[in-house]
Amino acid sequence: MTRADMHSLLAALLLSAPLASIACGSGEMKANDPVATPEVAVAPVAAVEQPLARFIRATGTLMAEEHSEVAAETAGRVVAAPIERGSRVNQGDEMVRLSPTETEAQLKEAEANAAQIEARLGIAGGTGFDANAVPEVQNARASFELAQGEFARIKSLLDQRVVSQSEYDQRRTQMEASRQQVEAARNGAAQQYQSLQAARARVELAKKARADTHVRAPFSGVVAERLVSAGDYVTKGMRVAVVVRVNPLRALLTVPEQSVSAVAAGQPIVFEVDAYPGRQFEGKVRYVSPALQADQRSLTVEAIVPNPGGELKPGLFATARLEESKRTPGILVPTSAVLTTAGTSRVFVVTGNDVEERIVTTGQTVGDLVEITKGLKAGERVATRNVAQLVDGTRTTS
């Protein structure tokens, strides 16, 4: 290569170096340019403050309004049991029947004894007791009156000195003896009348024993258990059936100690049970315990729950809300404004065209609104759309 060619190549390289440097610099600037962030529509809504009906949360169990373990009141052999589990019974319906043979014989014996004493006392047709009408008393009175007449006659003869003093004394003694016989007869009649009262009481007991051979329902309800069958022998006090009343039911609730002052009789409640998800049932507080349970630091409250269709069953677990009488202010936002992940709730406050992420604490729900108890002030605007797409500092449009 000639000296002239080398000079030409060197000149070309010197001219191309600045162009390459300029080209490289231009490429670096494009690589470092900031990326444009897309704006997100958030439909901001202002948080509002308004009075809220506060609720006390309580848990408990549903119980039957009445639960009776029906027992036999007399001994005997079962001859019929016309009920089954689930049978509906009205008050007084026969549930179990015992053999009446023995009780009927006892009743006849008691009635015969009473009738015998009534005949002895001269009581018939339901007439009342009169001691002077008793035959023994009448006989004693007749003897006394005769002795009294004889004594009067002897006394007049003694005044005429026709009879002796000894005969007069004898007649007077006979009259006094007759008087004592009348009193004795009256006392005997009174004792017999008391015996009659005892005999009549035995008649009533025998009638009750005969009636008790029919074991009847103590109230209207449903048979939960039948414990005997025809042919079984039952003794007095032995259980034969279980009857429950399921309309209404009782809700036995446990209220935390800090909410005791807000509970009162007549207060309405709303509760749910796992057996009917999404359904709410209503009731009313009937009883508030006068003392707390020391082991649980809680108050026992009993509510009455209508159950006309029998859907609710005794033993179901209930989660209830009791409305407080006093309303207190609360800050509300739409439920769509709250994003909850892993137990943490947050909202995005719109300021100008940017959003600010806020960790908040939620309270009770009121329709499609939710209460914010911490982390937000009334009047601040929160995003309600595309909340899941937002992060702190996101640019927004209305």
Protein backbone atom coordinates (compact mmCIF):
# COMPACT_ATOMS: atom_id res chain seq x y z
CA MET A 1 0.00 0.00 0.00
CA THR A 2 1.36 3.41 -0.96
CA ARG A 3 1.83 6.26 1.46
CA ALA A 4 -1.07 8.11 -0.23
CA ASP A 5 -3.46 5.14 0.34
CA MET A 6 -2.55 4.93 4.07
CA HIS A 7 -3.32 8.62 4.51
CA SER A 8 -6.73 8.15 2.84
CA LEU A 9 -7.68 5.17 5.17
CA LEU A 10 -6.64 7.08 8.30
CA ALA A 11 -8.75 10.05 7.30
CA ALA A 12 -11.80 7.82 6.77
CA LEU A 13 -11.42 6.23 10.24
CA LEU A 14 -11.16 9.62 11.91
CA LEU A 15 -14.31 10.79 10.18
CA SER A 16 -16.34 7.65 11.12
CA ALA A 17 -15.46 7.66 14.87
CA PRO A 18 -17.54 10.73 15.82
CA LEU A 19 -20.51 9.37 13.90
CA ALA A 20 -20.31 6.06 15.80
CA SER A 21 -20.02 7.91 19.08
CA ILE A 22 -23.04 10.01 18.23
CA ALA A 23 -24.96 6.89 17.19
CA CYS A 24 -24.13 5.10 20.49
CA GLY A 25 -25.13 8.12 22.57
CA SER A 26 -28.44 8.35 20.79
CA GLY A 27 -29.16 4.67 21.58
CA GLU A 28 -28.46 5.12 25.31
CA MET A 29 -30.87 8.04 25.64
CA LYS A 30 -33.71 6.05 24.18
CA ALA A 31 -33.01 3.17 26.55
CA ASN A 32 -33.18 5.49 29.62
CA ASP A 33 -36.38 7.35 28.66
CA PRO A 34 -39.21 6.90 31.44
CA VAL A 35 -42.10 4.48 30.55
CA ALA A 36 -45.51 6.17 30.40
CA THR A 37 -47.89 4.77 33.15
CA PRO A 38 -51.56 4.16 32.06
CA GLU A 39 -54.29 5.95 34.02
CA VAL A 40 -57.01 3.88 35.81
CA ALA A 41 -60.68 4.82 36.18
CA VAL A 42 -61.57 4.59 39.92
CA ALA A 43 -65.02 6.28 40.32
CA PRO A 44 -64.14 8.02 43.61
CA VAL A 45 -66.82 8.33 46.33
CA ALA A 46 -66.59 10.42 49.49
CA ALA A 47 -66.73 8.66 52.85
CA VAL A 48 -69.84 9.74 54.78
CA GLU A 49 -70.53 9.92 58.50
CA GLN A 50 -73.97 9.01 59.80
CA PRO A 51 -75.61 7.53 62.93
CA LEU A 52 -75.55 3.74 62.98
CA ALA A 53 -77.62 1.17 64.82
CA ARG A 54 -75.08 -0.79 66.82
CA PHE A 55 -75.31 -4.53 67.33
CA ILE A 56 -74.05 -6.84 70.03
CA ARG A 57 -72.84 -10.19 68.77
CA ALA A 58 -73.68 -13.26 70.80
CA THR A 59 -73.61 -17.01 70.33
CA GLY A 60 -75.74 -19.71 71.85
CA THR A 61 -77.96 -22.73 71.39
CA LEU A 62 -81.61 -23.21 70.48
CA MET A 63 -83.66 -25.10 73.06
CA ALA A 64 -87.22 -26.39 73.22
CA GLU A 65 -89.71 -24.08 74.91
CA GLU A 66 -90.93 -27.03 77.00
CA HIS A 67 -89.27 -30.43 77.53
CA SER A 68 -91.10 -33.00 79.64
CA GLU A 69 -90.10 -36.52 80.58
CA VAL A 70 -93.58 -37.96 81.08
CA ALA A 71 -93.79 -40.57 83.85
CA ALA A 72 -96.47 -42.99 84.99
CA GLU A 73 -98.26 -41.93 88.17
CA THR A 74 -99.44 -45.44 89.00
CA ALA A 75 -98.09 -48.94 88.51
CA GLY A 76 -99.51 -51.33 85.95
CA ARG A 77 -99.01 -53.23 82.72
CA VAL A 78 -99.04 -51.33 79.44
CA VAL A 79 -101.96 -52.38 77.23
CA ALA A 80 -101.56 -49.70 74.52
CA ALA A 81 -99.08 -47.04 73.40
CA PRO A 82 -100.72 -45.16 70.50
CA ILE A 83 -97.78 -42.80 69.82
CA GLU A 84 -94.51 -42.89 67.92
CA ARG A 85 -91.49 -40.62 67.67
CA GLY A 86 -92.51 -37.50 65.82
CA SER A 87 -96.20 -37.84 66.69
CA ARG A 88 -97.89 -34.51 67.34
CA VAL A 89 -100.02 -34.49 70.46
CA ASN A 90 -102.37 -31.98 72.04
CA GLN A 91 -102.57 -31.34 75.76
CA GLY A 92 -104.53 -34.19 77.36
CA ASP A 93 -104.09 -36.69 74.51
CA GLU A 94 -103.59 -40.29 75.60
CA MET A 95 -100.00 -41.45 75.12
CA VAL A 96 -99.87 -44.72 77.09
CA ARG A 97 -102.69 -46.82 78.58
CA LEU A 98 -102.24 -49.16 81.56
CA SER A 99 -104.43 -52.06 82.59
CA PRO A 100 -107.32 -50.68 84.75
CA THR A 101 -108.34 -53.98 86.40
CA GLU A 102 -106.62 -53.44 89.74
CA THR A 103 -107.47 -49.76 90.06
CA GLU A 104 -111.15 -50.36 89.27
CA ALA A 105 -111.33 -53.04 92.00
CA GLN A 106 -109.74 -50.63 94.49
CA LEU A 107 -112.26 -47.97 93.54
CA LYS A 108 -115.21 -50.29 94.09
CA GLU A 109 -113.87 -51.30 97.49
CA ALA A 110 -113.38 -47.68 98.55
CA GLU A 111 -116.88 -46.72 97.39
CA ALA A 112 -118.40 -49.64 99.29
CA ASN A 113 -116.67 -48.65 102.53
CA ALA A 114 -117.84 -45.07 102.18
CA ALA A 115 -121.42 -46.14 101.44
CA GLN A 116 -121.43 -48.37 104.53
CA ILE A 117 -120.47 -45.50 106.82
CA GLU A 118 -123.00 -43.20 105.16
CA ALA A 119 -125.75 -45.73 105.84
CA ARG A 120 -124.66 -45.99 109.48
CA LEU A 121 -124.84 -42.23 109.83
CA GLY A 122 -128.13 -41.99 108.00
CA ILE A 123 -126.63 -39.93 105.18
CA ALA A 124 -128.29 -40.58 101.83
CA GLY A 125 -128.81 -38.71 98.60
CA GLY A 126 -125.97 -36.31 99.25
CA THR A 127 -127.48 -34.83 102.42
CA GLY A 128 -125.16 -33.13 104.91
CA PHE A 129 -124.11 -34.51 108.25
CA ASP A 130 -126.39 -33.89 111.26
CA ALA A 131 -125.40 -35.63 114.49
CA ASN A 132 -128.98 -35.49 115.82
CA ALA A 133 -130.17 -37.44 112.78
CA VAL A 134 -127.89 -40.41 113.50
CA PRO A 135 -129.99 -43.40 114.71
CA GLU A 136 -127.80 -44.08 117.76
CA VAL A 137 -128.08 -40.45 118.85
CA GLN A 138 -131.85 -40.47 118.35
CA ASN A 139 -132.19 -43.61 120.51
CA ALA A 140 -130.02 -42.05 123.23
CA ARG A 141 -132.08 -38.84 123.13
CA ALA A 142 -135.31 -40.83 123.44
CA SER A 143 -133.97 -42.67 126.49
CA PHE A 144 -132.85 -39.36 128.00
CA GLU A 145 -136.21 -37.74 127.46
CA LEU A 146 -137.96 -40.73 129.07
CA ALA A 147 -135.60 -40.61 132.05
CA GLN A 148 -136.10 -36.86 132.29
CA GLY A 149 -139.89 -37.33 132.42
CA GLU A 150 -139.65 -40.01 135.06
CA PHE A 151 -137.42 -37.79 137.14
CA ALA A 152 -139.86 -34.90 136.94
CA ARG A 153 -142.70 -37.16 138.09
CA ILE A 154 -140.67 -38.57 140.97
CA LYS A 155 -139.67 -35.08 142.03
CA SER A 156 -143.31 -34.00 142.32
CA LEU A 157 -144.14 -37.14 144.32
CA LEU A 158 -141.20 -36.46 146.60
CA ASP A 159 -142.61 -33.02 147.32
CA GLN A 160 -145.84 -34.75 148.35
CA ARG A 161 -143.81 -37.22 150.42
CA VAL A 162 -145.25 -40.13 148.44
CA VAL A 163 -141.85 -41.58 147.40
CA SER A 164 -138.66 -41.94 149.34
CA GLN A 165 -135.50 -39.90 148.96
CA SER A 166 -133.58 -42.95 147.72
CA GLU A 167 -136.01 -43.54 144.86
CA TYR A 168 -135.70 -39.87 143.91
CA ASP A 169 -131.92 -40.14 143.88
CA GLN A 170 -132.08 -43.26 141.72
CA ARG A 171 -134.25 -41.55 139.10
CA ARG A 172 -131.92 -38.54 139.01
CA THR A 173 -128.92 -40.79 138.47
CA GLN A 174 -130.72 -42.57 135.62
CA MET A 175 -131.48 -39.22 133.99
CA GLU A 176 -127.82 -38.12 134.23
CA ALA A 177 -126.69 -41.44 132.78
CA SER A 178 -129.09 -40.97 129.87
CA ARG A 179 -127.67 -37.49 129.30
CA GLN A 180 -124.14 -38.92 129.15
CA GLN A 181 -125.32 -41.56 126.68
CA VAL A 182 -126.60 -38.82 124.38
CA GLU A 183 -123.22 -37.06 124.47
CA ALA A 184 -121.41 -40.34 123.87
CA ALA A 185 -123.68 -41.10 120.93
CA ARG A 186 -122.99 -37.67 119.45
CA ASN A 187 -119.22 -38.11 119.88
CA GLY A 188 -119.43 -41.55 118.27
CA ALA A 189 -121.37 -40.07 115.35
CA ALA A 190 -118.72 -37.36 114.92
CA GLN A 191 -115.98 -39.99 114.88
CA GLN A 192 -117.88 -42.01 112.31
CA TYR A 193 -118.26 -38.90 110.19
CA GLN A 194 -114.48 -38.40 110.24
CA SER A 195 -114.13 -42.02 109.19
CA LEU A 196 -116.52 -41.24 106.36
CA GLN A 197 -114.30 -38.33 105.31
CA ALA A 198 -111.30 -40.66 105.20
CA ALA A 199 -113.30 -43.22 103.21
CA ARG A 200 -114.34 -40.56 100.71
CA ALA A 201 -110.69 -39.46 100.37
CA ARG A 202 -109.79 -43.08 99.57
CA VAL A 203 -112.50 -43.04 96.92
CA GLU A 204 -110.94 -39.95 95.33
CA LEU A 205 -107.51 -41.56 95.42
CA ALA A 206 -108.91 -44.68 93.80
CA LYS A 207 -110.55 -42.55 91.09
CA LYS A 208 -107.26 -40.78 90.45
CA ALA A 209 -105.41 -44.10 90.26
CA ARG A 210 -107.95 -45.29 87.69
CA ALA A 211 -107.57 -42.04 85.71
CA ASP A 212 -103.78 -42.36 85.93
CA THR A 213 -103.94 -45.57 83.93
CA HIS A 214 -104.25 -43.16 80.97
CA VAL A 215 -100.91 -41.34 80.71
CA ARG A 216 -101.67 -38.08 78.91
CA ALA A 217 -99.65 -35.35 77.23
CA PRO A 218 -98.90 -32.47 79.64
CA PHE A 219 -98.92 -29.90 76.81
CA SER A 220 -99.23 -29.70 73.04
CA GLY A 221 -96.02 -30.68 71.28
CA VAL A 222 -94.10 -33.43 69.53
CA VAL A 223 -93.16 -36.85 70.90
CA ALA A 224 -89.37 -37.05 71.01
CA GLU A 225 -89.20 -40.55 72.51
CA ARG A 226 -91.50 -43.44 73.38
CA LEU A 227 -89.87 -45.55 76.08
CA VAL A 228 -92.41 -48.37 76.63
CA SER A 229 -94.42 -50.80 74.54
CA ALA A 230 -97.53 -52.92 75.07
CA GLY A 231 -96.80 -55.67 77.58
CA ASP A 232 -94.22 -53.72 79.60
CA TYR A 233 -94.81 -53.33 83.33
CA VAL A 234 -94.22 -49.84 84.65
CA THR A 235 -93.88 -48.65 88.22
CA LYS A 236 -94.92 -45.33 89.70
CA GLY A 237 -92.56 -42.59 88.53
CA MET A 238 -91.13 -44.59 85.62
CA ARG A 239 -90.55 -42.59 82.40
CA VAL A 240 -92.75 -43.65 79.49
CA ALA A 241 -92.27 -40.86 76.90
CA VAL A 242 -90.59 -37.52 76.19
CA VAL A 243 -92.58 -34.58 74.79
CA VAL A 244 -91.13 -31.29 73.57
CA ARG A 245 -92.69 -28.03 72.44
CA VAL A 246 -90.81 -26.53 69.48
CA ASN A 247 -92.95 -23.49 68.75
CA PRO A 248 -91.72 -21.18 70.01
CA LEU A 249 -88.12 -22.07 70.76
CA ARG A 250 -85.78 -20.57 73.31
CA ALA A 251 -82.41 -19.16 72.25
CA LEU A 252 -79.96 -19.36 75.15
CA LEU A 253 -77.27 -16.79 74.30
CA THR A 254 -73.97 -15.76 75.88
CA VAL A 255 -73.24 -12.01 75.84
CA PRO A 256 -69.69 -10.70 76.50
CA GLU A 257 -69.12 -8.79 79.74
CA GLN A 258 -68.39 -5.47 78.00
CA SER A 259 -71.84 -5.47 76.34
CA VAL A 260 -73.91 -6.25 79.45
CA SER A 261 -75.17 -2.68 79.91
CA ALA A 262 -76.73 -2.66 76.42
CA VAL A 263 -78.94 -5.74 76.91
CA ALA A 264 -82.52 -5.56 78.19
CA ALA A 265 -85.72 -7.60 78.13
CA GLY A 266 -87.86 -6.94 75.06
CA GLN A 267 -84.85 -6.25 72.85
CA PRO A 268 -85.15 -7.68 69.30
CA ILE A 269 -82.54 -10.12 68.00
CA VAL A 270 -81.59 -11.43 64.56
CA PHE A 271 -79.70 -14.71 64.28
CA GLU A 272 -78.43 -17.27 61.81
CA VAL A 273 -77.86 -21.02 61.99
CA ASP A 274 -75.51 -23.16 59.90
CA ALA A 275 -78.39 -25.38 58.79
CA TYR A 276 -79.87 -22.53 56.69
CA PRO A 277 -76.98 -20.51 55.21
CA GLY A 278 -77.91 -16.96 54.28
CA ARG A 279 -81.25 -17.00 56.11
CA GLN A 280 -81.99 -14.80 59.09
CA PHE A 281 -84.43 -15.52 61.90
CA GLU A 282 -85.86 -13.13 64.46
CA GLY A 283 -86.69 -13.26 68.13
CA LYS A 284 -87.07 -11.14 71.25
CA VAL A 285 -85.20 -11.15 74.56
CA ARG A 286 -87.40 -12.49 77.37
CA TYR A 287 -84.95 -12.96 80.23
CA VAL A 288 -81.64 -11.41 81.26
CA SER A 289 -79.69 -13.19 83.97
CA PRO A 290 -79.15 -11.09 87.12
CA ALA A 291 -75.54 -12.30 87.41
CA LEU A 292 -72.60 -13.11 85.15
CA GLN A 293 -71.04 -16.53 84.85
CA ALA A 294 -67.81 -16.13 86.79
CA ASP A 295 -65.90 -18.77 84.83
CA GLN A 296 -66.68 -17.20 81.43
CA ARG A 297 -67.17 -13.53 82.36
CA SER A 298 -70.35 -13.50 80.32
CA LEU A 299 -74.06 -12.92 80.74
CA THR A 300 -76.78 -15.44 79.94
CA VAL A 301 -79.68 -14.07 77.89
CA GLU A 302 -82.78 -16.00 76.84
CA ALA A 303 -84.81 -15.02 73.78
CA ILE A 304 -88.09 -16.34 72.41
CA VAL A 305 -87.97 -17.43 68.77
CA PRO A 306 -91.16 -18.11 66.75
CA ASN A 307 -90.96 -21.43 64.89
CA PRO A 308 -94.37 -22.02 63.27
CA GLY A 309 -93.02 -24.20 60.47
CA GLY A 310 -90.82 -26.30 62.75
CA GLU A 311 -87.74 -25.62 60.59
CA LEU A 312 -85.54 -24.75 63.54
CA LYS A 313 -84.56 -27.65 65.77
CA PRO A 314 -83.52 -27.71 69.42
CA GLY A 315 -79.76 -28.02 69.71
CA LEU A 316 -78.85 -25.87 66.69
CA PHE A 317 -75.96 -23.43 67.22
CA ALA A 318 -77.01 -19.80 66.69
CA THR A 319 -75.02 -16.65 65.95
CA ALA A 320 -77.12 -13.65 66.96
CA ARG A 321 -77.07 -9.87 66.80
CA LEU A 322 -78.83 -7.73 69.41
CA GLU A 323 -79.59 -4.18 68.35
CA GLU A 324 -78.63 -1.47 70.84
CA SER A 325 -81.17 1.26 71.57
CA LYS A 326 -78.60 4.08 71.20
CA ARG A 327 -77.22 5.07 67.77
CA THR A 328 -73.66 6.34 67.42
CA PRO A 329 -71.94 7.95 64.38
CA GLY A 330 -69.82 5.91 61.99
CA ILE A 331 -67.87 6.48 58.75
CA LEU A 332 -69.24 4.50 55.80
CA VAL A 333 -67.86 3.68 52.35
CA PRO A 334 -69.14 1.31 49.64
CA THR A 335 -68.10 -2.29 50.15
CA SER A 336 -66.53 -2.17 46.67
CA ALA A 337 -63.98 0.33 47.99
CA VAL A 338 -62.47 -2.11 50.49
CA LEU A 339 -59.87 -4.64 49.35
CA THR A 340 -59.18 -7.40 51.88
CA THR A 341 -56.28 -9.81 51.42
CA ALA A 342 -54.82 -12.16 54.03
CA GLY A 343 -57.02 -10.60 56.70
CA THR A 344 -55.81 -7.04 56.03
CA SER A 345 -58.24 -4.46 54.69
CA ARG A 346 -57.18 -1.43 52.67
CA VAL A 347 -58.73 1.43 50.73
CA PHE A 348 -57.24 3.78 48.14
CA VAL A 349 -57.75 7.48 48.88
CA VAL A 350 -57.96 9.63 45.78
CA THR A 351 -56.00 12.90 46.00
CA GLY A 352 -55.94 14.88 42.77
CA ASN A 353 -55.00 12.38 40.07
CA ASP A 354 -53.14 9.99 42.38
CA VAL A 355 -54.21 7.34 44.91
CA GLU A 356 -52.83 6.72 48.38
CA GLU A 357 -53.04 3.25 49.89
CA ARG A 358 -54.48 3.15 53.45
CA ILE A 359 -54.64 0.21 55.84
CA VAL A 360 -58.04 0.40 57.60
CA THR A 361 -60.10 -1.39 60.22
CA THR A 362 -63.65 -2.28 59.27
CA GLY A 363 -66.74 -2.41 61.47
CA GLN A 364 -70.27 -3.51 60.78
CA THR A 365 -71.93 -3.76 57.38
CA VAL A 366 -75.01 -1.69 56.53
CA GLY A 367 -76.51 -2.90 53.27
CA ASP A 368 -73.92 -2.24 50.51
CA LEU A 369 -71.87 0.01 52.80
CA VAL A 370 -69.21 -0.93 55.34
CA GLU A 371 -68.07 1.01 58.38
CA ILE A 372 -64.45 2.14 58.65
CA THR A 373 -63.52 2.42 62.33
CA LYS A 374 -59.86 3.35 61.84
CA GLY A 375 -57.72 4.76 59.03
CA LEU A 376 -60.16 7.05 57.21
CA LYS A 377 -61.89 10.38 57.84
CA ALA A 378 -65.28 11.58 56.72
CA GLY A 379 -65.16 13.44 53.40
CA GLU A 380 -62.08 11.69 52.04
CA ARG A 381 -62.67 10.21 48.61
CA VAL A 382 -61.97 6.53 48.00
CA ALA A 383 -61.73 4.53 44.80
CA THR A 384 -64.63 2.17 44.14
CA ARG A 385 -63.68 0.72 40.72
CA ASN A 386 -60.71 -1.35 39.59
CA VAL A 387 -59.52 -1.45 43.21
CA ALA A 388 -57.61 -4.70 42.68
CA GLN A 389 -55.48 -2.98 39.98
CA LEU A 390 -54.38 -0.07 42.19
CA VAL A 391 -51.13 0.48 44.02
CA ASP A 392 -49.86 3.43 45.95
CA GLY A 393 -49.27 6.35 43.54
CA THR A 394 -51.36 5.05 40.64
CA ARG A 395 -52.55 7.79 38.27
CA THR A 396 -56.34 7.93 38.00
CA THR A 397 -59.19 9.25 35.98
CA SER A 398 -62.67 9.91 37.35
